[in-house]
C-alpha atoms as a PDB file:
ATOM      1  CA  MET A   1     -75.876 -39.638-251.895  1.00  0.00           C
ATOM      2  CA  GLN A   2     -79.063 -39.987-249.858  1.00  0.00           C
ATOM      3  CA  ARG A   3     -78.773 -38.459-246.254  1.00  0.00           C
ATOM      4  CA  PHE A   4     -81.119 -39.569-243.293  1.00  0.00           C
ATOM      5  CA  GLU A   5     -82.077 -38.194-239.895  1.00  0.00           C
ATOM      6  CA  TYR A   6     -83.019 -40.490-237.231  1.00  0.00           C
ATOM      7  CA  LYS A   7     -85.262 -40.669-234.546  1.00  0.00           C
ATOM      8  CA  VAL A   8     -85.339 -42.962-231.684  1.00  0.00           C
ATOM      9  CA  ILE A   9     -88.387 -43.412-229.367  1.00  0.00           C
ATOM     10  CA  PRO A  10     -89.303 -46.027-226.560  1.00  0.00           C
ATOM     11  CA  ALA A  11     -91.993 -48.455-227.820  1.00  0.00           C
ATOM     12  CA  PRO A  12     -95.457 -47.878-226.102  1.00  0.00           C
ATOM     13  CA  THR A  13     -95.907 -50.345-222.891  1.00  0.00           C
ATOM     14  CA  LYS A  14     -99.781 -49.936-222.511  1.00  0.00           C
ATOM     15  CA  GLY A  15    -102.452 -50.580-225.287  1.00  0.00           C
ATOM     16  CA  GLU A  16    -105.258 -48.472-226.132  1.00  0.00           C
ATOM     17  CA  LYS A  17    -108.803 -49.203-225.723  1.00  0.00           C
ATOM     18  CA  THR A  18    -111.009 -49.367-228.846  1.00  0.00           C
ATOM     19  CA  ARG A  19    -114.387 -51.187-229.680  1.00  0.00           C
ATOM     20  CA  ALA A  20    -112.738 -53.636-231.875  1.00  0.00           C
ATOM     21  CA  ALA A  21    -109.452 -54.413-229.684  1.00  0.00           C
ATOM     22  CA  LYS A  22    -110.734 -56.862-227.355  1.00  0.00           C
ATOM     23  CA  THR A  23    -107.499 -58.606-226.005  1.00  0.00           C
ATOM     24  CA  THR A  24    -104.328 -57.016-224.662  1.00  0.00           C
ATOM     25  CA  ALA A  25    -102.469 -57.886-227.816  1.00  0.00           C
ATOM     26  CA  ASP A  26    -105.054 -56.422-229.882  1.00  0.00           C
ATOM     27  CA  ARG A  27    -104.731 -53.159-228.007  1.00  0.00           C
ATOM     28  CA  PHE A  28    -101.032 -53.108-227.867  1.00  0.00           C
ATOM     29  CA  GLY A  29    -101.166 -53.531-231.815  1.00  0.00           C
ATOM     30  CA  VAL A  30    -103.658 -50.440-231.639  1.00  0.00           C
ATOM     31  CA  ALA A  31    -101.343 -48.385-229.782  1.00  0.00           C
ATOM     32  CA  LEU A  32     -98.215 -49.295-232.113  1.00  0.00           C
ATOM     33  CA  THR A  33    -100.383 -48.534-235.264  1.00  0.00           C
ATOM     34  CA  ASN A  34    -101.268 -45.092-234.281  1.00  0.00           C
ATOM     35  CA  LEU A  35     -97.697 -44.419-233.335  1.00  0.00           C
ATOM     36  CA  MET A  36     -96.460 -45.251-236.511  1.00  0.00           C
ATOM     37  CA  ASN A  37     -99.377 -43.664-238.344  1.00  0.00           C
ATOM     38  CA  ASP A  38     -98.582 -40.365-236.657  1.00  0.00           C
ATOM     39  CA  LEU A  39     -94.966 -40.438-237.391  1.00  0.00           C
ATOM     40  CA  GLY A  40     -95.663 -41.890-240.806  1.00  0.00           C
ATOM     41  CA  ALA A  41     -97.856 -38.587-241.299  1.00  0.00           C
ATOM     42  CA  ASP A  42     -94.319 -36.546-240.671  1.00  0.00           C
ATOM     43  CA  GLY A  43     -92.485 -38.280-243.112  1.00  0.00           C
ATOM     44  CA  TRP A  44     -91.134 -40.729-240.839  1.00  0.00           C
ATOM     45  CA  ASP A  45     -90.413 -44.336-242.074  1.00  0.00           C
ATOM     46  CA  TYR A  46     -90.010 -47.282-239.595  1.00  0.00           C
ATOM     47  CA  VAL A  47     -86.695 -48.906-239.622  1.00  0.00           C
ATOM     48  CA  ARG A  48     -86.313 -51.554-236.808  1.00  0.00           C
ATOM     49  CA  SER A  49     -86.840 -52.054-233.019  1.00  0.00           C
ATOM     50  CA  ASP A  50     -83.853 -52.527-230.637  1.00  0.00           C
ATOM     51  CA  THR A  51     -83.842 -53.621-227.120  1.00  0.00           C
ATOM     52  CA  LEU A  52     -81.019 -51.570-225.470  1.00  0.00           C
ATOM     53  CA  PRO A  53     -79.404 -51.656-221.757  1.00  0.00           C
ATOM     54  CA  CYS A  54     -79.989 -48.466-219.760  1.00  0.00           C
ATOM     55  CA  GLU A  55     -78.822 -47.582-216.312  1.00  0.00           C
ATOM     56  CA  GLU A  56     -81.274 -46.598-213.994  1.00  0.00           C
ATOM     57  CA  ARG A  57     -80.630 -45.057-210.512  1.00  0.00           C
ATOM     58  CA  VAL A  58     -81.914 -46.744-207.435  1.00  0.00           C
ATOM     59  CA  GLY A  59     -81.800 -45.014-204.205  1.00  0.00           C
ATOM     60  CA  PHE A  60     -78.879 -42.422-203.597  1.00  0.00           C
ATOM     61  CA  THR A  61     -75.864 -44.275-204.778  1.00  0.00           C
ATOM     62  CA  GLY A  62     -77.114 -47.559-206.376  1.00  0.00           C
ATOM     63  CA  SER A  63     -77.971 -48.353-210.055  1.00  0.00           C
ATOM     64  CA  LYS A  64     -79.289 -51.029-211.881  1.00  0.00           C
ATOM     65  CA  SER A  65     -79.563 -52.169-215.601  1.00  0.00           C
ATOM     66  CA  ILE A  66     -82.764 -52.195-217.319  1.00  0.00           C
ATOM     67  CA  PHE A  67     -83.492 -52.941-220.833  1.00  0.00           C
ATOM     68  CA  LEU A  68     -85.508 -50.428-222.972  1.00  0.00           C
ATOM     69  CA  ASN A  69     -87.516 -51.459-226.185  1.00  0.00           C
ATOM     70  CA  MET A  70     -86.877 -48.568-228.844  1.00  0.00           C
ATOM     71  CA  LEU A  71     -88.359 -48.018-232.096  1.00  0.00           C
ATOM     72  CA  VAL A  72     -86.285 -46.428-234.989  1.00  0.00           C
ATOM     73  CA  PHE A  73     -87.582 -44.251-237.735  1.00  0.00           C
ATOM     74  CA  ARG A  74     -85.460 -42.178-240.348  1.00  0.00           C
ATOM     75  CA  ARG A  75     -86.467 -39.739-243.001  1.00  0.00           C
ATOM     76  CA  ALA A  76     -84.853 -38.159-245.940  1.00  0.00           C
ATOM     77  CA  LEU A  77     -82.992 -35.076-245.727  1.00  0.00           C
ATOM     78  CA  ASN A  78     -83.410 -32.092-248.159  1.00  0.00           C
ATOM     79  CA  ASP A  79     -80.859 -32.641-251.017  1.00  0.00           C
ATOM     80  CA  GLU A  80     -78.319 -30.381-249.719  1.00  0.00           C
ATOM     81  CA  PRO A  81     -74.877 -30.364-251.502  1.00  0.00           C
ATOM     82  CA  LEU A  82     -72.295 -32.358-249.513  1.00  0.00           C
ATOM     83  CA  PHE A  83     -69.266 -30.806-251.413  1.00  0.00           C
ATOM     84  CA  PHE A  84     -69.300 -26.843-251.322  1.00  0.00           C
ATOM     85  CA  SER A  85     -68.073 -24.979-254.856  1.00  0.00           C
ATOM     86  CA  GLU A  86     -66.167 -22.124-253.021  1.00  0.00           C
ATOM     87  CA  PRO A  87     -63.303 -23.346-250.849  1.00  0.00           C
ATOM     88  CA  MET A  88     -63.819 -23.377-247.231  1.00  0.00           C
ATOM     89  CA  VAL A  89     -60.379 -22.305-246.318  1.00  0.00           C
ATOM     90  CA  SER A  90     -59.040 -18.764-247.188  1.00  0.00           C
ATOM     91  CA  THR A  91     -56.322 -18.771-249.840  1.00  0.00           C
ATOM     92  CA  GLU A  92     -54.825 -15.398-248.694  1.00  0.00           C
ATOM     93  CA  LYS A  93     -51.157 -15.496-247.083  1.00  0.00           C
ATOM     94  CA  THR A  94     -51.118 -14.881-243.377  1.00  0.00           C
ATOM     95  CA  GLU A  95     -48.760 -14.514-241.244  1.00  0.00           C
ATOM     96  CA  PRO A  96     -47.862 -17.879-238.810  1.00  0.00           C
ATOM     97  CA  ALA A  97     -48.803 -17.443-235.436  1.00  0.00           C
ATOM     98  CA  ARG A  98     -46.391 -16.496-232.967  1.00  0.00           C
ATOM     99  CA  PRO A  99     -45.493 -18.830-230.098  1.00  0.00           C
ATOM    100  CA  VAL A 100     -46.729 -18.109-226.755  1.00  0.00           C
ATOM    101  CA  LEU A 101     -43.938 -17.941-224.041  1.00  0.00           C
ATOM    102  CA  LEU A 102     -44.676 -19.214-220.510  1.00  0.00           C
ATOM    103  CA  THR A 103     -42.845 -17.564-217.945  1.00  0.00           C
ATOM    104  CA  THR A 104     -42.247 -18.358-214.221  1.00  0.00           C
ATOM    105  CA  GLN A 105     -42.053 -14.810-213.008  1.00  0.00           C
ATOM    106  CA  SER A 106     -45.337 -13.468-211.437  1.00  0.00           C
ATOM    107  CA  GLU A 107     -46.634  -9.975-212.684  1.00  0.00           C
ATOM    108  CA  GLY A 108     -47.985  -9.232-209.252  1.00  0.00           C
ATOM    109  CA  ALA A 109     -48.393 -10.283-205.535  1.00  0.00           C
ATOM    110  CA  ALA A 110     -51.235 -12.852-204.933  1.00  0.00           C
ATOM    111  CA  PRO A 111     -53.698 -11.764-202.370  1.00  0.00           C
ATOM    112  CA  ALA A 112     -53.210 -12.619-198.808  1.00  0.00           C
ATOM    113  CA  LEU A 113     -55.240 -15.328-197.428  1.00  0.00           C
ATOM    114  CA  GLY A 114     -57.272 -14.910-194.220  1.00  0.00           C
ATOM    115  CA  PRO A 115     -60.047 -12.786-193.014  1.00  0.00           C
ATOM    116  CA  ALA A 116     -61.066  -9.636-195.248  1.00  0.00           C
ATOM    117  CA  VAL A 117     -59.302  -6.610-193.970  1.00  0.00           C
ATOM    118  CA  ALA A 118     -60.904  -3.416-194.443  1.00  0.00           C
ATOM    119  CA  ARG A 119     -59.039  -0.689-196.909  1.00  0.00           C
ATOM    120  CA  ASP A 120     -59.061   3.049-196.426  1.00  0.00           C
END
């Protein structure tokens, strides 16, 4: 069974200037292309784009909901075995755990509340 790890990053909000990119849409496309090519060089495959809500603080006590565009990437993990050949649980016989008894008796006097008193 193939296993993957995922990476979610915010989509770029500004374009990148190049000689060929004249319009805002072209500059944004260049920024997105560069981001995807950088991640692709590290083995990340583009999966999808999602718009998700996020709570943002406003002032000291307020909050508002904003929406963020996120890009989802994934890459295959190394083929690690999903099942182990050795048992994970010890097969040796052990003694059952003894129950802990809770008592209401105090084992010592509680410290006195109030200002500190010097001891001799």
